[in-house]
Amino acid sequence: MCRLINETVEEMNLLANTKKTAMYLFDAICQEDFQSAQLELLELKNAIKKLEDIQKKRERKEMLVALMIDMRARGINIDFARKASFLNNNAKNVVEDVQKNSKIHKKRQQA
């Protein structure tokens, strides 16, 4: 619940900043300050991309919740882990683990 509130506050702040940026862009164009207008336009594009990402994330979450409700109605329970330690391995750790395991396997074969 708290996470949803934070996302909503984040989105509200982003919307407010986007509106301010649009006004700054308009002012820069009116004053014929095209260099500032280009910078404001870049900021506006980035803000819009972030808003789109938030919207896509919300839509995916709604689809997942609907799927979970449907599966529970069918008698299937799903329990999602927030963080699984085995998923935090980066490529280097995976390579090191494979090398260690291969060395252990060779030692076992030699014994």
C-alpha atoms as a PDB file:
ATOM      1  CA  MET A   1       0.000   0.000   0.000  1.00  0.00           C
ATOM      2  CA  CYS A   2       2.773   2.433   0.933  1.00  0.00           C
ATOM      3  CA  ARG A   3       4.549   1.679  -2.316  1.00  0.00           C
ATOM      4  CA  LEU A   4       1.455   2.656  -4.312  1.00  0.00           C
ATOM      5  CA  ILE A   5       1.243   5.938  -2.426  1.00  0.00           C
ATOM      6  CA  ASN A   6       4.908   6.657  -3.157  1.00  0.00           C
ATOM      7  CA  GLU A   7       4.415   5.955  -6.832  1.00  0.00           C
ATOM      8  CA  THR A   8       1.410   8.247  -6.915  1.00  0.00           C
ATOM      9  CA  VAL A   9       3.331  11.033  -5.155  1.00  0.00           C
ATOM     10  CA  GLU A  10       6.247  10.478  -7.521  1.00  0.00           C
ATOM     11  CA  GLU A  11       3.899  10.679 -10.480  1.00  0.00           C
ATOM     12  CA  MET A  12       2.230  13.832  -9.145  1.00  0.00           C
ATOM     13  CA  ASN A  13       5.616  15.508  -8.660  1.00  0.00           C
ATOM     14  CA  LEU A  14       6.700  14.447 -12.125  1.00  0.00           C
ATOM     15  CA  LEU A  15       3.488  15.827 -13.635  1.00  0.00           C
ATOM     16  CA  ALA A  16       3.976  19.144 -11.834  1.00  0.00           C
ATOM     17  CA  ASN A  17       7.584  19.368 -13.014  1.00  0.00           C
ATOM     18  CA  THR A  18       6.524  18.473 -16.551  1.00  0.00           C
ATOM     19  CA  LYS A  19       3.969  21.294 -16.569  1.00  0.00           C
ATOM     20  CA  LYS A  20       6.605  23.735 -15.300  1.00  0.00           C
ATOM     21  CA  THR A  21       9.020  22.579 -17.977  1.00  0.00           C
ATOM     22  CA  ALA A  22       6.360  23.087 -20.651  1.00  0.00           C
ATOM     23  CA  MET A  23       5.799  26.633 -19.385  1.00  0.00           C
ATOM     24  CA  TYR A  24       9.546  27.310 -19.385  1.00  0.00           C
ATOM     25  CA  LEU A  25       9.693  26.000 -22.946  1.00  0.00           C
ATOM     26  CA  PHE A  26       6.860  28.313 -23.976  1.00  0.00           C
ATOM     27  CA  ASP A  27       8.544  31.304 -22.297  1.00  0.00           C
ATOM     28  CA  ALA A  28      11.873  30.526 -23.962  1.00  0.00           C
ATOM     29  CA  ILE A  29      10.211  30.361 -27.380  1.00  0.00           C
ATOM     30  CA  CYS A  30       8.362  33.633 -26.768  1.00  0.00           C
ATOM     31  CA  GLN A  31      11.636  35.317 -25.782  1.00  0.00           C
ATOM     32  CA  GLU A  32      13.382  33.752 -28.785  1.00  0.00           C
ATOM     33  CA  ASP A  33      15.901  32.022 -26.518  1.00  0.00           C
ATOM     34  CA  PHE A  34      16.191  28.938 -28.670  1.00  0.00           C
ATOM     35  CA  GLN A  35      19.122  27.394 -26.836  1.00  0.00           C
ATOM     36  CA  SER A  36      17.126  27.355 -23.592  1.00  0.00           C
ATOM     37  CA  ALA A  37      14.115  26.105 -25.535  1.00  0.00           C
ATOM     38  CA  GLN A  38      16.121  23.149 -26.814  1.00  0.00           C
ATOM     39  CA  LEU A  39      17.246  22.276 -23.280  1.00  0.00           C
ATOM     40  CA  GLU A  40      13.691  22.546 -21.962  1.00  0.00           C
ATOM     41  CA  LEU A  41      12.490  20.376 -24.836  1.00  0.00           C
ATOM     42  CA  LEU A  42      14.997  17.669 -23.900  1.00  0.00           C
ATOM     43  CA  GLU A  43      13.838  17.815 -20.282  1.00  0.00           C
ATOM     44  CA  LEU A  44      10.224  17.643 -21.435  1.00  0.00           C
ATOM     45  CA  LYS A  45      10.937  14.558 -23.552  1.00  0.00           C
ATOM     46  CA  ASN A  46      12.650  12.840 -20.621  1.00  0.00           C
ATOM     47  CA  ALA A  47       9.773  13.675 -18.278  1.00  0.00           C
ATOM     48  CA  ILE A  48       7.229  12.336 -20.768  1.00  0.00           C
ATOM     49  CA  LYS A  49       9.240   9.127 -21.150  1.00  0.00           C
ATOM     50  CA  LYS A  50       9.261   8.697 -17.359  1.00  0.00           C
ATOM     51  CA  LEU A  51       5.496   9.264 -17.226  1.00  0.00           C
ATOM     52  CA  GLU A  52       4.995   6.679 -19.974  1.00  0.00           C
ATOM     53  CA  ASP A  53       7.157   4.206 -18.053  1.00  0.00           C
ATOM     54  CA  ILE A  54       5.083   4.758 -14.905  1.00  0.00           C
ATOM     55  CA  GLN A  55       1.887   4.220 -16.897  1.00  0.00           C
ATOM     56  CA  LYS A  56       3.214   1.009 -18.478  1.00  0.00           C
ATOM     57  CA  LYS A  57       4.314  -0.245 -15.069  1.00  0.00           C
ATOM     58  CA  ARG A  58       0.860   0.446 -13.643  1.00  0.00           C
ATOM     59  CA  GLU A  59      -0.816  -1.363 -16.558  1.00  0.00           C
ATOM     60  CA  ARG A  60       1.442  -4.413 -16.148  1.00  0.00           C
ATOM     61  CA  LYS A  61       0.712  -4.480 -12.444  1.00  0.00           C
ATOM     62  CA  GLU A  62      -3.041  -4.310 -13.075  1.00  0.00           C
ATOM     63  CA  MET A  63      -2.769  -7.201 -15.538  1.00  0.00           C
ATOM     64  CA  LEU A  64      -0.780  -9.233 -13.016  1.00  0.00           C
ATOM     65  CA  VAL A  65      -3.296  -8.545 -10.251  1.00  0.00           C
ATOM     66  CA  ALA A  66      -6.162  -9.556 -12.553  1.00  0.00           C
ATOM     67  CA  LEU A  67      -4.309 -12.760 -13.447  1.00  0.00           C
ATOM     68  CA  MET A  68      -3.669 -13.543  -9.783  1.00  0.00           C
ATOM     69  CA  ILE A  69      -7.343 -12.989  -8.919  1.00  0.00           C
ATOM     70  CA  ASP A  70      -8.372 -15.280 -11.775  1.00  0.00           C
ATOM     71  CA  MET A  71      -5.931 -17.987 -10.686  1.00  0.00           C
ATOM     72  CA  ARG A  72      -7.060 -17.753  -7.056  1.00  0.00           C
ATOM     73  CA  ALA A  73     -10.645 -18.150  -8.235  1.00  0.00           C
ATOM     74  CA  ARG A  74      -9.523 -21.372  -9.912  1.00  0.00           C
ATOM     75  CA  GLY A  75      -7.887 -22.534  -6.687  1.00  0.00           C
ATOM     76  CA  ILE A  76      -4.289 -21.822  -7.660  1.00  0.00           C
ATOM     77  CA  ASN A  77      -2.268 -19.881  -5.103  1.00  0.00           C
ATOM     78  CA  ILE A  78       0.779 -17.920  -6.189  1.00  0.00           C
ATOM     79  CA  ASP A  79       3.332 -16.603  -3.730  1.00  0.00           C
ATOM     80  CA  PHE A  80       5.823 -14.128  -5.155  1.00  0.00           C
ATOM     81  CA  ALA A  81       9.202 -13.620  -3.516  1.00  0.00           C
ATOM     82  CA  ARG A  82      10.244  -9.994  -3.307  1.00  0.00           C
ATOM     83  CA  LYS A  83      13.957 -10.682  -3.442  1.00  0.00           C
ATOM     84  CA  ALA A  84      15.561 -14.007  -4.101  1.00  0.00           C
ATOM     85  CA  SER A  85      19.245 -14.147  -3.269  1.00  0.00           C
ATOM     86  CA  PHE A  86      19.996 -16.539  -6.111  1.00  0.00           C
ATOM     87  CA  LEU A  87      18.677 -13.986  -8.623  1.00  0.00           C
ATOM     88  CA  ASN A  88      21.202 -11.368  -7.514  1.00  0.00           C
ATOM     89  CA  ASN A  89      24.139 -13.156  -9.169  1.00  0.00           C
ATOM     90  CA  ASN A  90      25.837 -11.136 -11.826  1.00  0.00           C
ATOM     91  CA  ALA A  91      27.667 -12.692 -14.754  1.00  0.00           C
ATOM     92  CA  LYS A  92      31.028 -12.633 -12.985  1.00  0.00           C
ATOM     93  CA  ASN A  93      29.675 -14.536  -9.987  1.00  0.00           C
ATOM     94  CA  VAL A  94      28.046 -17.091 -12.246  1.00  0.00           C
ATOM     95  CA  VAL A  95      31.306 -17.682 -14.127  1.00  0.00           C
ATOM     96  CA  GLU A  96      33.223 -18.024 -10.848  1.00  0.00           C
ATOM     97  CA  ASP A  97      30.653 -20.506  -9.531  1.00  0.00           C
ATOM     98  CA  VAL A  98      30.891 -22.579 -12.708  1.00  0.00           C
ATOM     99  CA  GLN A  99      34.682 -22.598 -12.490  1.00  0.00           C
ATOM    100  CA  LYS A 100      34.624 -23.654  -8.825  1.00  0.00           C
ATOM    101  CA  ASN A 101      32.105 -26.380  -9.545  1.00  0.00           C
ATOM    102  CA  SER A 102      34.148 -27.686 -12.473  1.00  0.00           C
ATOM    103  CA  LYS A 103      37.286 -27.813 -10.283  1.00  0.00           C
ATOM    104  CA  ILE A 104      35.388 -29.711  -7.594  1.00  0.00           C
ATOM    105  CA  HIS A 105      33.992 -32.069 -10.231  1.00  0.00           C
ATOM    106  CA  LYS A 106      37.515 -32.741 -11.596  1.00  0.00           C
ATOM    107  CA  LYS A 107      38.849 -33.446  -8.097  1.00  0.00           C
ATOM    108  CA  ARG A 108      36.017 -35.890  -7.478  1.00  0.00           C
ATOM    109  CA  GLN A 109      36.747 -37.678 -10.741  1.00  0.00           C
ATOM    110  CA  GLN A 110      40.450 -37.929  -9.885  1.00  0.00           C
ATOM    111  CA  ALA A 111      39.732 -39.385  -6.447  1.00  0.00           C
END
